[in-house]
Amino acid sequence: MIIIDSKTPLDLFEFGVICYCLDAKELSEHGLVINRMNEFEYLIGRIDFMPDETPSTKDWLFDRYHPGMIWRCPEALKEALLDQTLLFQDIISHWLRADESIGLINTAFKVASLTLLNDYFPRKDLVIQSLNTIFLTESQLLKEIPLRQSAFFKDQYEGQWIISRINVSLLCLVQVFYEATNSTLKLISEAFMINELALLVMKDQFNEMEWEELTLAQVLLLKNVMQQSCSHQELSEAFKQAFRVYPMTDVQNWMSPLKLNLNK
């Protein structure tokens, strides 16, 4: 699972990727799991255990009385979702304001069945992998980093980066400073989301390169080339899909949960 903060924008969730939010105590003591089912629909499960590196052995994975819900984005909020101003905490807030016992119902929510929750949240996937703080070298290949996991690496100038493989065709790059003695993590840059489509968009510079075969140095080069292009040309829709930049003020919130799975 990918650990997120409740301040994560909803449009940052990728389809089919399981995320875990711990700071939602109002709804679940053990946190919530989230899976984006389609562009405007999210499945949310209220788990009944604290996840760690091994799958839970409990018979019941979800709350017995209120296991989960489906949230469908109302028409009036779709633009805010796509503009990344609608946050996961907004869903939590909307749910808390509903009270079915007195007839106050939020029609954006629908009760999720256990069958649906078990299909979208398999037991084997409800685990949190520790973030390995051993630094990779920039000569290593992208395919050496497992899907839905993150890794540290250093560039040729000793700069420190975290690379996260969100899914098979999407990654996130953030420059950081990690101090091992106290396990402190400081943010240095914005977050750069790069899609495999970037190789096609920048085919003149990256002709015939395979996504999985890119070295981490080439991933950084791809990021640099696309970042420079942002200020020199009008961006096509394909470019916008292939490369997105998120400001440090937002990334600071998203990065805070990493403290939960840093190796001490």
Foldseek 3Di string as FASTA:
>chain_A
DAEFEQQFQPQVADALFKYWYCPLCVVENQTKIWHAPDRFKIKIFHFDDHAAAFFDPDPGGGDPPQGTKMFGDDPVCSVVSVVRNHGNVNVSVVVVVADVVVPRDDVRIDGDDPVVVCVSCPRGNRHDAFADADADEQQAWQLVADAQHKHWYAYPVRWIWIWHRPGPFKIKIFTWDADPVVRDIGGDFWIKIFGNLLCVVPCVVNPPDDRRGHGNNVVVVSLVVLVVVVPVDDDDPSSCVGIDTGGPVSVVNGCVCSSVRYDD
